Amino acid sequence: MLAALRKLLRRPRPAHLGKYRMEWLTRVPQPTTRITDNVPRMPKRADFFIRSGYGDLGERQKKEVRRFTRKMPLNNAFGQVMGAITPLQRGSAREEPVEMPADLQERSNHLKSLCYFLDADIVGICRVPEYAWYSHDRGGTPIPARHQYAIVILVDQGYETMAGSSGDDWISASQSYRAYLRGAEVATVVTSYLHELGYEAQAHTNSDSDVLHLPLLLLAGLGELGRMGEVVINPFLGPRFKTSVVTTNLELAVDQPIDFNLQKFCESCRKCARECPCGAISYEDKVIFNGYEIWKPDVEACARYRVQNPAGSGCGRCMKVCPFNKPGLLHQ
C-alpha cells in the first residue's frame, strides 16, 4: 500500500497544480467559518500594529513598534529589499489588452503555473467580496473596491527553521520576513505581467495591502480558520506560511473553500492556547466578531508581546506548536 502511494506521489504533475495535492481535499460551497451578511469594511488604522505607531497602546509600545523587527539585523535587510519592491506593486496596464483564452479555467491554470514557476508554494483564486477591501488608508482616504478577482499566494516559512526555534526567539521575525519577501516578489511579478497583458492588477503584500488577506484565504480554498483566531491553517503547511495577493479585473475561474475537519479538531486541541506566552488565545467557544464566527483572540495582548518581546523579535509560538506544523504524508 505504501509503495503504491509513494509511486503515485512521484508521478509528474501538471504545472498549475503545484507540489501539494490540494485537489485531494473536500471542497465546499462556503468556508467552514461562518461569515455573516454584516461584515463591516475596516480602516487600516484599526490594525493594532498601526495603532501602536500612533501611540494608541501607550508610549512604550509606540517606541518599540518602530524597532521591534529591526532588533535583528537580518530583518532590517529583508525590510530594505521589500521597501524597494513596494512602489512596483501598483502601476498601470498597457492601453490595448491582448486577447485571452475564452476558457476561464485555462486563464487560471496559466496564472497558477506562473506563480509556481516563481516559487510560490500553494496558490488559490477567488472573487473579492467588498468587505475584503480596507475602507480607508492610514490617512483616512477612502479605498475603492476596484478589482473583482484575487490570486492568493502562500509561501512556506520553513519547517526546519521553525523546528529549531522556540517560536518567540530571534529567528522568529526573520523567518516571517523571508517568506514575506518571497511572496512580495511573486505577487509583484505577476502584477507586472498582467499589466503587460493589458489588464488592471495590484499586488498586496506585508509592506502595502489594500485588502484583508484572511477572508481571501478562506474563499480561495487555502485553509480554515483555527483556534488561533486570526490565523488560517493549511492542511499541508499548517499555520507556518505568509501570504501575498494579486487583485485584478481579468475574469478568472475560482476555487472553492476547503473542509478538512479543522473546526472539530481545534475544538478539543487547545495546544496553541496552552503554549501562548501572553495568554492571547481563547479557551472558550466561538463568538460572532465583526461578522465572523471565530475563537476570538486577545489581539492587543498578542501585538504587545510581539512588539515588546524582550528575548526575541516577534513571536510565532502558536504556529510552532500547532500539530499541523510538521512534515509527514500530507506534506510530501
C-alpha atoms as a PDB file:
ATOM      1  CA  MET A   1       0.000   0.000   0.000  1.00  0.00           C
ATOM      2  CA  LEU A   2       2.724   2.478   0.999  1.00  0.00           C
ATOM      3  CA  ALA A   3       4.818   1.556  -2.043  1.00  0.00           C
ATOM      4  CA  ALA A   4       1.853   2.239  -4.332  1.00  0.00           C
ATOM      5  CA  LEU A   5       1.217   5.570  -2.607  1.00  0.00           C
ATOM      6  CA  ARG A   6       4.867   6.622  -2.938  1.00  0.00           C
ATOM      7  CA  LYS A   7       4.732   5.760  -6.640  1.00  0.00           C
ATOM      8  CA  LEU A   8       1.593   7.873  -7.015  1.00  0.00           C
ATOM      9  CA  LEU A   9       3.220  10.808  -5.219  1.00  0.00           C
ATOM     10  CA  ARG A  10       6.235  10.664  -7.562  1.00  0.00           C
ATOM     11  CA  ARG A  11       4.175  10.971 -10.738  1.00  0.00           C
ATOM     12  CA  PRO A  12       4.738  14.156 -12.754  1.00  0.00           C
ATOM     13  CA  ARG A  13       2.048  16.749 -12.101  1.00  0.00           C
ATOM     14  CA  PRO A  14       0.559  19.492 -14.272  1.00  0.00           C
ATOM     15  CA  ALA A  15       2.316  22.773 -13.524  1.00  0.00           C
ATOM     16  CA  HIS A  16      -0.847  24.541 -12.346  1.00  0.00           C
ATOM     17  CA  LEU A  17      -1.380  22.035  -9.510  1.00  0.00           C
ATOM     18  CA  GLY A  18       1.900  22.711  -7.721  1.00  0.00           C
ATOM     19  CA  LYS A  19       3.614  20.201  -5.444  1.00  0.00           C
ATOM     20  CA  TYR A  20       0.933  19.963  -2.740  1.00  0.00           C
ATOM     21  CA  ARG A  21      -2.120  17.850  -3.556  1.00  0.00           C
ATOM     22  CA  MET A  22      -4.816  20.373  -2.785  1.00  0.00           C
ATOM     23  CA  GLU A  23      -7.054  18.574  -5.293  1.00  0.00           C
ATOM     24  CA  TRP A  24      -7.420  15.702  -2.797  1.00  0.00           C
ATOM     25  CA  LEU A  25      -9.261  17.917  -0.313  1.00  0.00           C
ATOM     26  CA  THR A  26     -13.014  18.181   0.148  1.00  0.00           C
ATOM     27  CA  ARG A  27     -14.399  21.336  -1.462  1.00  0.00           C
ATOM     28  CA  VAL A  28     -17.466  23.043  -0.014  1.00  0.00           C
ATOM     29  CA  PRO A  29     -19.675  25.943  -1.180  1.00  0.00           C
ATOM     30  CA  GLN A  30     -18.885  28.186   1.816  1.00  0.00           C
ATOM     31  CA  PRO A  31     -15.968  28.479   4.271  1.00  0.00           C
ATOM     32  CA  THR A  32     -16.247  26.376   7.427  1.00  0.00           C
ATOM     33  CA  THR A  33     -16.008  29.625   9.395  1.00  0.00           C
ATOM     34  CA  ARG A  34     -19.440  31.211   9.283  1.00  0.00           C
ATOM     35  CA  ILE A  35     -19.351  34.657   7.708  1.00  0.00           C
ATOM     36  CA  THR A  36     -22.500  36.699   8.285  1.00  0.00           C
ATOM     37  CA  ASP A  37     -24.098  39.252   5.987  1.00  0.00           C
ATOM     38  CA  ASN A  38     -22.917  42.057   8.276  1.00  0.00           C
ATOM     39  CA  VAL A  39     -19.150  42.159   7.817  1.00  0.00           C
ATOM     40  CA  PRO A  40     -18.001  45.786   8.089  1.00  0.00           C
ATOM     41  CA  ARG A  41     -15.195  47.178   5.964  1.00  0.00           C
ATOM     42  CA  MET A  42     -12.295  48.027   8.247  1.00  0.00           C
ATOM     43  CA  PRO A  43      -9.919  51.008   8.008  1.00  0.00           C
ATOM     44  CA  LYS A  44      -6.185  50.301   8.023  1.00  0.00           C
ATOM     45  CA  ARG A  45      -5.979  52.488  11.119  1.00  0.00           C
ATOM     46  CA  ALA A  46      -7.744  49.704  13.095  1.00  0.00           C
ATOM     47  CA  ASP A  47      -4.735  47.362  12.811  1.00  0.00           C
ATOM     48  CA  PHE A  48      -3.032  47.039  16.202  1.00  0.00           C
ATOM     49  CA  PHE A  49       0.472  47.467  14.797  1.00  0.00           C
ATOM     50  CA  ILE A  50      -0.588  50.680  13.063  1.00  0.00           C
ATOM     51  CA  ARG A  51      -2.396  51.810  16.213  1.00  0.00           C
ATOM     52  CA  SER A  52       0.804  51.123  18.120  1.00  0.00           C
ATOM     53  CA  GLY A  53       2.660  53.526  15.847  1.00  0.00           C
ATOM     54  CA  TYR A  54       0.125  56.264  16.597  1.00  0.00           C
ATOM     55  CA  GLY A  55       0.522  55.786  20.358  1.00  0.00           C
ATOM     56  CA  ASP A  56      -2.917  54.259  20.988  1.00  0.00           C
ATOM     57  CA  LEU A  57      -1.327  51.493  23.097  1.00  0.00           C
ATOM     58  CA  GLY A  58       0.976  53.756  25.089  1.00  0.00           C
ATOM     59  CA  GLU A  59       4.351  55.412  24.670  1.00  0.00           C
ATOM     60  CA  ARG A  60       6.445  52.293  25.230  1.00  0.00           C
ATOM     61  CA  GLN A  61       4.551  50.398  22.545  1.00  0.00           C
ATOM     62  CA  LYS A  62       4.891  53.385  20.209  1.00  0.00           C
ATOM     63  CA  LYS A  63       8.658  53.413  20.732  1.00  0.00           C
ATOM     64  CA  GLU A  64       9.135  49.656  20.421  1.00  0.00           C
ATOM     65  CA  VAL A  65       6.972  49.171  17.306  1.00  0.00           C
ATOM     66  CA  ARG A  66       9.431  51.324  15.357  1.00  0.00           C
ATOM     67  CA  ARG A  67      12.287  48.965  16.102  1.00  0.00           C
ATOM     68  CA  PHE A  68      10.926  45.541  17.090  1.00  0.00           C
ATOM     69  CA  THR A  69      11.706  43.866  13.760  1.00  0.00           C
ATOM     70  CA  ARG A  70      14.922  45.851  13.322  1.00  0.00           C
ATOM     71  CA  LYS A  71      16.380  44.497  16.553  1.00  0.00           C
ATOM     72  CA  MET A  72      17.614  41.649  14.340  1.00  0.00           C
ATOM     73  CA  PRO A  73      19.897  42.965  11.527  1.00  0.00           C
ATOM     74  CA  LEU A  74      18.680  40.300   9.095  1.00  0.00           C
ATOM     75  CA  ASN A  75      15.103  41.553   9.487  1.00  0.00           C
ATOM     76  CA  ASN A  76      16.220  45.048   8.588  1.00  0.00           C
ATOM     77  CA  ALA A  77      17.978  43.714   5.480  1.00  0.00           C
ATOM     78  CA  PHE A  78      14.783  41.960   4.358  1.00  0.00           C
ATOM     79  CA  GLY A  79      12.803  45.130   5.031  1.00  0.00           C
ATOM     80  CA  GLN A  80      15.044  47.278   2.850  1.00  0.00           C
ATOM     81  CA  VAL A  81      14.583  44.973  -0.144  1.00  0.00           C
ATOM     82  CA  MET A  82      10.821  44.821   0.407  1.00  0.00           C
ATOM     83  CA  GLY A  83      10.754  48.610   0.558  1.00  0.00           C
ATOM     84  CA  ALA A  84      12.423  48.762  -2.852  1.00  0.00           C
ATOM     85  CA  ILE A  85       9.771  46.452  -4.329  1.00  0.00           C
ATOM     86  CA  THR A  86       6.753  48.238  -2.820  1.00  0.00           C
ATOM     87  CA  PRO A  87       6.496  51.057  -5.435  1.00  0.00           C
ATOM     88  CA  LEU A  88       6.121  48.385  -8.147  1.00  0.00           C
ATOM     89  CA  GLN A  89       3.004  46.848  -6.583  1.00  0.00           C
ATOM     90  CA  ARG A  90       0.599  49.191  -8.363  1.00  0.00           C
ATOM     91  CA  GLY A  91       1.464  50.543 -11.817  1.00  0.00           C
ATOM     92  CA  SER A  92      -0.859  50.662 -14.820  1.00  0.00           C
ATOM     93  CA  ALA A  93      -1.851  48.374 -17.669  1.00  0.00           C
ATOM     94  CA  ARG A  94      -0.960  48.861 -21.317  1.00  0.00           C
ATOM     95  CA  GLU A  95      -3.722  50.517 -23.330  1.00  0.00           C
ATOM     96  CA  GLU A  96      -4.720  47.583 -25.539  1.00  0.00           C
ATOM     97  CA  PRO A  97      -5.278  44.255 -23.722  1.00  0.00           C
ATOM     98  CA  VAL A  98      -4.090  41.149 -25.514  1.00  0.00           C
ATOM     99  CA  GLU A  99      -6.628  38.505 -26.477  1.00  0.00           C
ATOM    100  CA  MET A 100      -7.032  35.908 -23.722  1.00  0.00           C
ATOM    101  CA  PRO A 101      -8.411  32.348 -23.924  1.00  0.00           C
ATOM    102  CA  ALA A 102     -12.200  32.264 -23.583  1.00  0.00           C
ATOM    103  CA  ASP A 103     -11.895  29.327 -21.167  1.00  0.00           C
ATOM    104  CA  LEU A 104     -11.664  30.888 -17.683  1.00  0.00           C
ATOM    105  CA  GLN A 105     -10.109  27.744 -16.234  1.00  0.00           C
ATOM    106  CA  GLU A 106      -7.309  27.928 -18.790  1.00  0.00           C
ATOM    107  CA  ARG A 107      -6.606  31.507 -17.694  1.00  0.00           C
ATOM    108  CA  SER A 108      -6.491  30.497 -14.032  1.00  0.00           C
ATOM    109  CA  ASN A 109      -4.284  27.488 -14.732  1.00  0.00           C
ATOM    110  CA  HIS A 110      -1.869  29.708 -16.638  1.00  0.00           C
ATOM    111  CA  LEU A 111      -1.548  32.223 -13.793  1.00  0.00           C
ATOM    112  CA  LYS A 112      -1.197  29.494 -11.168  1.00  0.00           C
ATOM    113  CA  SER A 113       1.563  27.893 -13.255  1.00  0.00           C
ATOM    114  CA  LEU A 114       3.333  31.252 -13.355  1.00  0.00           C
ATOM    115  CA  CYS A 115       3.120  31.582  -9.562  1.00  0.00           C
ATOM    116  CA  TYR A 116       4.599  28.106  -9.097  1.00  0.00           C
ATOM    117  CA  PHE A 117       7.330  28.908 -11.635  1.00  0.00           C
ATOM    118  CA  LEU A 118       8.171  31.894  -9.410  1.00  0.00           C
ATOM    119  CA  ASP A 119       8.425  29.566  -6.346  1.00  0.00           C
ATOM    120  CA  ALA A 120       5.050  30.073  -4.671  1.00  0.00           C
ATOM    121  CA  ASP A 121       4.127  27.062  -2.525  1.00  0.00           C
ATOM    122  CA  ILE A 122       0.316  26.993  -2.861  1.00  0.00           C
ATOM    123  CA  VAL A 123      -1.995  29.225  -4.923  1.00  0.00           C
ATOM    124  CA  GLY A 124      -5.763  29.730  -4.962  1.00  0.00           C
ATOM    125  CA  ILE A 125      -8.140  32.083  -6.771  1.00  0.00           C
ATOM    126  CA  CYS A 126     -11.383  33.664  -5.570  1.00  0.00           C
ATOM    127  CA  ARG A 127     -13.736  36.560  -6.121  1.00  0.00           C
ATOM    128  CA  VAL A 128     -13.104  39.537  -3.863  1.00  0.00           C
ATOM    129  CA  PRO A 129     -16.100  40.493  -1.708  1.00  0.00           C
ATOM    130  CA  GLU A 130     -16.401  44.193  -0.959  1.00  0.00           C
ATOM    131  CA  TYR A 131     -15.754  43.614   2.760  1.00  0.00           C
ATOM    132  CA  ALA A 132     -12.299  42.212   1.965  1.00  0.00           C
ATOM    133  CA  TRP A 133     -11.155  45.692   0.907  1.00  0.00           C
ATOM    134  CA  TYR A 134      -9.984  48.094   3.595  1.00  0.00           C
ATOM    135  CA  SER A 135     -12.353  51.056   3.791  1.00  0.00           C
ATOM    136  CA  HIS A 136      -9.707  53.789   4.297  1.00  0.00           C
ATOM    137  CA  ASP A 137      -5.935  54.099   4.184  1.00  0.00           C
ATOM    138  CA  ARG A 138      -3.866  55.200   7.183  1.00  0.00           C
ATOM    139  CA  GLY A 139      -4.532  58.852   6.431  1.00  0.00           C
ATOM    140  CA  GLY A 140      -8.303  58.395   6.172  1.00  0.00           C
ATOM    141  CA  THR A 141      -8.614  58.449   2.373  1.00  0.00           C
ATOM    142  CA  PRO A 142     -11.332  56.036   1.122  1.00  0.00           C
ATOM    143  CA  ILE A 143     -10.102  52.926  -0.719  1.00  0.00           C
ATOM    144  CA  PRO A 144     -12.268  51.838  -3.671  1.00  0.00           C
ATOM    145  CA  ALA A 145     -13.100  48.158  -4.166  1.00  0.00           C
ATOM    146  CA  ARG A 146     -11.524  48.254  -7.596  1.00  0.00           C
ATOM    147  CA  HIS A 147     -10.991  44.610  -8.646  1.00  0.00           C
ATOM    148  CA  GLN A 148     -13.235  41.547  -8.665  1.00  0.00           C
ATOM    149  CA  TYR A 149     -10.724  38.664  -8.584  1.00  0.00           C
ATOM    150  CA  ALA A 150      -7.825  37.697  -6.325  1.00  0.00           C
ATOM    151  CA  ILE A 151      -4.859  35.381  -6.840  1.00  0.00           C
ATOM    152  CA  VAL A 152      -3.852  34.325  -3.325  1.00  0.00           C
ATOM    153  CA  ILE A 153      -0.285  33.109  -2.786  1.00  0.00           C
ATOM    154  CA  LEU A 154       1.159  31.085   0.114  1.00  0.00           C
ATOM    155  CA  VAL A 155       4.884  30.908   0.914  1.00  0.00           C
ATOM    156  CA  ASP A 156       6.152  28.393   3.471  1.00  0.00           C
ATOM    157  CA  GLN A 157       8.189  29.936   6.297  1.00  0.00           C
ATOM    158  CA  GLY A 158      10.186  26.706   6.520  1.00  0.00           C
ATOM    159  CA  TYR A 159       9.632  23.711   8.792  1.00  0.00           C
ATOM    160  CA  GLU A 160      13.315  23.200   9.599  1.00  0.00           C
ATOM    161  CA  THR A 161      13.801  26.778  10.791  1.00  0.00           C
ATOM    162  CA  MET A 162      10.666  26.695  12.910  1.00  0.00           C
ATOM    163  CA  ALA A 163      11.543  23.287  14.357  1.00  0.00           C
ATOM    164  CA  GLY A 164      14.835  24.710  15.637  1.00  0.00           C
ATOM    165  CA  SER A 165      13.210  27.803  17.132  1.00  0.00           C
ATOM    166  CA  SER A 166      11.331  28.410  20.375  1.00  0.00           C
ATOM    167  CA  GLY A 167       8.762  30.310  18.332  1.00  0.00           C
ATOM    168  CA  ASP A 168       9.482  33.641  20.005  1.00  0.00           C
ATOM    169  CA  ASP A 169      13.255  33.958  19.747  1.00  0.00           C
ATOM    170  CA  TRP A 170      15.464  35.986  17.411  1.00  0.00           C
ATOM    171  CA  ILE A 171      14.819  33.930  14.269  1.00  0.00           C
ATOM    172  CA  SER A 172      11.024  34.275  14.572  1.00  0.00           C
ATOM    173  CA  ALA A 173      10.655  37.549  12.673  1.00  0.00           C
ATOM    174  CA  SER A 174      13.428  36.646  10.215  1.00  0.00           C
ATOM    175  CA  GLN A 175      11.632  33.527   9.010  1.00  0.00           C
ATOM    176  CA  SER A 176       8.493  35.645   8.625  1.00  0.00           C
ATOM    177  CA  TYR A 177      10.291  38.326   6.634  1.00  0.00           C
ATOM    178  CA  ARG A 178      11.953  35.757   4.395  1.00  0.00           C
ATOM    179  CA  ALA A 179       8.510  34.443   3.409  1.00  0.00           C
ATOM    180  CA  TYR A 180       7.046  37.953   3.133  1.00  0.00           C
ATOM    181  CA  LEU A 181       9.829  38.915   0.728  1.00  0.00           C
ATOM    182  CA  ARG A 182       9.318  35.851  -1.469  1.00  0.00           C
ATOM    183  CA  GLY A 183       5.577  36.492  -1.533  1.00  0.00           C
ATOM    184  CA  ALA A 184       6.150  40.126  -2.484  1.00  0.00           C
ATOM    185  CA  GLU A 185       8.439  39.086  -5.339  1.00  0.00           C
ATOM    186  CA  VAL A 186       5.899  36.611  -6.732  1.00  0.00           C
ATOM    187  CA  ALA A 187       2.917  38.964  -6.422  1.00  0.00           C
ATOM    188  CA  THR A 188       4.748  41.942  -7.913  1.00  0.00           C
ATOM    189  CA  VAL A 189       5.997  39.985 -10.934  1.00  0.00           C
ATOM    190  CA  VAL A 190       2.502  38.566 -11.563  1.00  0.00           C
ATOM    191  CA  THR A 191       1.064  42.093 -11.289  1.00  0.00           C
ATOM    192  CA  SER A 192       3.581  43.466 -13.793  1.00  0.00           C
ATOM    193  CA  TYR A 193       2.857  40.542 -16.123  1.00  0.00           C
ATOM    194  CA  LEU A 194      -0.884  41.278 -16.056  1.00  0.00           C
ATOM    195  CA  HIS A 195      -0.118  44.929 -16.811  1.00  0.00           C
ATOM    196  CA  GLU A 196       1.914  43.803 -19.830  1.00  0.00           C
ATOM    197  CA  LEU A 197      -1.113  41.806 -20.989  1.00  0.00           C
ATOM    198  CA  GLY A 198      -3.277  44.917 -20.681  1.00  0.00           C
ATOM    199  CA  TYR A 199      -5.247  44.147 -17.503  1.00  0.00           C
ATOM    200  CA  GLU A 200      -5.574  46.067 -14.257  1.00  0.00           C
ATOM    201  CA  ALA A 201      -3.817  44.449 -11.313  1.00  0.00           C
ATOM    202  CA  GLN A 202      -2.355  45.333  -7.922  1.00  0.00           C
ATOM    203  CA  ALA A 203      -0.062  43.409  -5.588  1.00  0.00           C
ATOM    204  CA  HIS A 204      -0.913  43.365  -1.881  1.00  0.00           C
ATOM    205  CA  THR A 205       1.918  42.436   0.482  1.00  0.00           C
ATOM    206  CA  ASN A 206       3.039  42.837   4.067  1.00  0.00           C
ATOM    207  CA  SER A 207       4.522  46.217   3.086  1.00  0.00           C
ATOM    208  CA  ASP A 208       1.405  47.627   1.443  1.00  0.00           C
ATOM    209  CA  SER A 209      -2.001  45.981   1.118  1.00  0.00           C
ATOM    210  CA  ASP A 210      -5.430  47.412   0.345  1.00  0.00           C
ATOM    211  CA  VAL A 211      -7.149  44.083   1.088  1.00  0.00           C
ATOM    212  CA  LEU A 212      -7.535  41.876   4.144  1.00  0.00           C
ATOM    213  CA  HIS A 213      -5.857  38.576   3.338  1.00  0.00           C
ATOM    214  CA  LEU A 214      -7.744  36.391   5.836  1.00  0.00           C
ATOM    215  CA  PRO A 215     -11.155  36.219   4.083  1.00  0.00           C
ATOM    216  CA  LEU A 216      -9.457  35.712   0.714  1.00  0.00           C
ATOM    217  CA  LEU A 217      -7.518  32.730   2.082  1.00  0.00           C
ATOM    218  CA  LEU A 218     -10.783  31.115   3.162  1.00  0.00           C
ATOM    219  CA  LEU A 219     -12.636  31.878  -0.074  1.00  0.00           C
ATOM    220  CA  ALA A 220      -9.733  30.722  -2.282  1.00  0.00           C
ATOM    221  CA  GLY A 221      -9.734  27.320  -0.565  1.00  0.00           C
ATOM    222  CA  LEU A 222      -6.303  27.623   1.021  1.00  0.00           C
ATOM    223  CA  GLY A 223      -7.217  26.797   4.600  1.00  0.00           C
ATOM    224  CA  GLU A 224      -9.599  27.034   7.520  1.00  0.00           C
ATOM    225  CA  LEU A 225      -9.668  29.424  10.446  1.00  0.00           C
ATOM    226  CA  GLY A 226      -8.475  27.708  13.634  1.00  0.00           C
ATOM    227  CA  ARG A 227      -8.435  28.386  17.375  1.00  0.00           C
ATOM    228  CA  MET A 228      -5.646  30.940  16.992  1.00  0.00           C
ATOM    229  CA  GLY A 229      -8.486  33.190  15.872  1.00  0.00           C
ATOM    230  CA  GLU A 230      -6.957  35.278  13.118  1.00  0.00           C
ATOM    231  CA  VAL A 231      -4.617  32.647  11.687  1.00  0.00           C
ATOM    232  CA  VAL A 232      -5.605  30.379   8.788  1.00  0.00           C
ATOM    233  CA  ILE A 233      -4.328  26.783   8.861  1.00  0.00           C
ATOM    234  CA  ASN A 234      -3.500  24.865   5.695  1.00  0.00           C
ATOM    235  CA  PRO A 235      -3.538  21.030   5.862  1.00  0.00           C
ATOM    236  CA  PHE A 236      -0.070  20.783   4.272  1.00  0.00           C
ATOM    237  CA  LEU A 237       1.762  23.795   5.701  1.00  0.00           C
ATOM    238  CA  GLY A 238      -0.169  24.205   8.932  1.00  0.00           C
ATOM    239  CA  PRO A 239      -0.113  27.873  10.009  1.00  0.00           C
ATOM    240  CA  ARG A 240       3.555  28.452   9.096  1.00  0.00           C
ATOM    241  CA  PHE A 241       3.076  30.450   5.897  1.00  0.00           C
ATOM    242  CA  LYS A 242       2.906  34.061   4.800  1.00  0.00           C
ATOM    243  CA  THR A 243       0.673  35.453   2.098  1.00  0.00           C
ATOM    244  CA  SER A 244       0.581  37.890  -0.761  1.00  0.00           C
ATOM    245  CA  VAL A 245      -2.328  38.701  -3.062  1.00  0.00           C
ATOM    246  CA  VAL A 246      -2.798  39.977  -6.601  1.00  0.00           C
ATOM    247  CA  THR A 247      -6.163  41.563  -7.347  1.00  0.00           C
ATOM    248  CA  THR A 248      -7.206  42.034 -10.962  1.00  0.00           C
ATOM    249  CA  ASN A 249     -10.111  42.849 -13.257  1.00  0.00           C
ATOM    250  CA  LEU A 250      -9.251  39.869 -15.502  1.00  0.00           C
ATOM    251  CA  GLU A 251     -12.110  37.377 -15.205  1.00  0.00           C
ATOM    252  CA  LEU A 252     -10.899  34.026 -13.853  1.00  0.00           C
ATOM    253  CA  ALA A 253     -12.201  30.622 -12.777  1.00  0.00           C
ATOM    254  CA  VAL A 254     -12.327  30.477  -8.983  1.00  0.00           C
ATOM    255  CA  ASP A 255     -11.622  27.773  -6.407  1.00  0.00           C
ATOM    256  CA  GLN A 256     -13.988  26.639  -3.660  1.00  0.00           C
ATOM    257  CA  PRO A 257     -13.315  26.684   0.095  1.00  0.00           C
ATOM    258  CA  ILE A 258     -11.992  23.513   1.745  1.00  0.00           C
ATOM    259  CA  ASP A 259     -13.066  21.400   4.718  1.00  0.00           C
ATOM    260  CA  PHE A 260     -10.509  19.087   6.347  1.00  0.00           C
ATOM    261  CA  ASN A 261     -12.359  18.883   9.704  1.00  0.00           C
ATOM    262  CA  LEU A 262     -10.215  21.533  11.365  1.00  0.00           C
ATOM    263  CA  GLN A 263     -13.134  23.024  13.302  1.00  0.00           C
ATOM    264  CA  LYS A 264     -13.741  19.774  15.166  1.00  0.00           C
ATOM    265  CA  PHE A 265     -10.008  19.293  15.733  1.00  0.00           C
ATOM    266  CA  CYS A 266      -9.492  22.779  17.181  1.00  0.00           C
ATOM    267  CA  GLU A 267     -12.497  22.415  19.490  1.00  0.00           C
ATOM    268  CA  SER A 268     -10.615  19.849  21.561  1.00  0.00           C
ATOM    269  CA  CYS A 269      -6.914  20.531  20.902  1.00  0.00           C
ATOM    270  CA  ARG A 270      -6.233  23.895  22.625  1.00  0.00           C
ATOM    271  CA  LYS A 271      -2.459  23.380  22.417  1.00  0.00           C
ATOM    272  CA  CYS A 272      -1.886  26.857  20.981  1.00  0.00           C
ATOM    273  CA  ALA A 273      -3.870  28.371  23.868  1.00  0.00           C
ATOM    274  CA  ARG A 274      -1.802  26.464  26.449  1.00  0.00           C
ATOM    275  CA  GLU A 275       1.502  27.461  24.850  1.00  0.00           C
ATOM    276  CA  CYS A 276       0.790  31.137  24.055  1.00  0.00           C
ATOM    277  CA  PRO A 277       3.354  33.145  26.083  1.00  0.00           C
ATOM    278  CA  CYS A 278       0.951  36.054  26.611  1.00  0.00           C
ATOM    279  CA  GLY A 279      -2.353  34.195  27.038  1.00  0.00           C
ATOM    280  CA  ALA A 280      -3.860  35.773  23.932  1.00  0.00           C
ATOM    281  CA  ILE A 281      -5.543  32.630  22.522  1.00  0.00           C
ATOM    282  CA  SER A 282      -9.011  31.746  23.786  1.00  0.00           C
ATOM    283  CA  TYR A 283     -10.003  28.517  25.569  1.00  0.00           C
ATOM    284  CA  GLU A 284     -13.666  29.484  25.172  1.00  0.00           C
ATOM    285  CA  ASP A 285     -16.281  28.770  22.494  1.00  0.00           C
ATOM    286  CA  LYS A 286     -16.624  30.722  19.271  1.00  0.00           C
ATOM    287  CA  VAL A 287     -18.288  34.135  19.197  1.00  0.00           C
ATOM    288  CA  ILE A 288     -19.508  36.415  16.408  1.00  0.00           C
ATOM    289  CA  PHE A 289     -16.984  39.228  15.952  1.00  0.00           C
ATOM    290  CA  ASN A 290     -17.001  41.707  13.056  1.00  0.00           C
ATOM    291  CA  GLY A 291     -19.264  39.343  11.139  1.00  0.00           C
ATOM    292  CA  TYR A 292     -17.141  36.183  11.598  1.00  0.00           C
ATOM    293  CA  GLU A 293     -17.852  33.272  13.954  1.00  0.00           C
ATOM    294  CA  ILE A 294     -14.407  32.701  15.465  1.00  0.00           C
ATOM    295  CA  TRP A 295     -12.426  31.761  18.524  1.00  0.00           C
ATOM    296  CA  LYS A 296     -11.670  35.380  19.368  1.00  0.00           C
ATOM    297  CA  PRO A 297      -8.077  36.080  20.437  1.00  0.00           C
ATOM    298  CA  ASP A 298      -6.865  38.992  22.540  1.00  0.00           C
ATOM    299  CA  VAL A 299      -5.254  40.786  19.600  1.00  0.00           C
ATOM    300  CA  GLU A 300      -3.983  43.648  21.733  1.00  0.00           C
ATOM    301  CA  ALA A 301      -2.136  41.287  24.104  1.00  0.00           C
ATOM    302  CA  CYS A 302      -0.640  39.477  21.108  1.00  0.00           C
ATOM    303  CA  ALA A 303       0.508  42.732  19.497  1.00  0.00           C
ATOM    304  CA  ARG A 304       2.015  43.994  22.756  1.00  0.00           C
ATOM    305  CA  TYR A 305       4.018  40.813  23.294  1.00  0.00           C
ATOM    306  CA  ARG A 306       5.271  40.596  19.708  1.00  0.00           C
ATOM    307  CA  VAL A 307       6.407  44.213  19.775  1.00  0.00           C
ATOM    308  CA  GLN A 308       7.858  44.309  23.295  1.00  0.00           C
ATOM    309  CA  ASN A 309       9.232  40.738  23.467  1.00  0.00           C
ATOM    310  CA  PRO A 310      12.491  41.249  25.429  1.00  0.00           C
ATOM    311  CA  ALA A 311      14.026  37.898  24.457  1.00  0.00           C
ATOM    312  CA  GLY A 312      13.461  37.955  20.716  1.00  0.00           C
ATOM    313  CA  SER A 313      11.995  39.653  17.676  1.00  0.00           C
ATOM    314  CA  GLY A 314       8.289  38.998  17.135  1.00  0.00           C
ATOM    315  CA  CYS A 315       6.547  35.737  18.037  1.00  0.00           C
ATOM    316  CA  GLY A 316       5.261  32.630  16.280  1.00  0.00           C
ATOM    317  CA  ARG A 317       4.914  30.191  19.191  1.00  0.00           C
ATOM    318  CA  CYS A 318       1.351  29.232  18.235  1.00  0.00           C
ATOM    319  CA  MET A 319       2.498  28.325  14.717  1.00  0.00           C
ATOM    320  CA  LYS A 320       5.415  26.271  16.022  1.00  0.00           C
ATOM    321  CA  VAL A 321       3.353  24.161  18.449  1.00  0.00           C
ATOM    322  CA  CYS A 322       0.354  23.596  16.155  1.00  0.00           C
ATOM    323  CA  PRO A 323       0.021  19.845  15.406  1.00  0.00           C
ATOM    324  CA  PHE A 324      -0.352  20.693  11.704  1.00  0.00           C
ATOM    325  CA  ASN A 325       3.153  22.200  11.702  1.00  0.00           C
ATOM    326  CA  LYS A 326       5.050  19.024  10.934  1.00  0.00           C
ATOM    327  CA  PRO A 327       6.280  17.042   7.931  1.00  0.00           C
ATOM    328  CA  GLY A 328       4.672  13.737   7.049  1.00  0.00           C
ATOM    329  CA  LEU A 329       2.487  12.023   4.479  1.00  0.00           C
ATOM    330  CA  LEU A 330       0.299  15.073   3.849  1.00  0.00           C
ATOM    331  CA  HIS A 331       3.387  17.251   3.405  1.00  0.00           C
ATOM    332  CA  GLN A 332       5.060  15.166   0.679  1.00  0.00           C
END
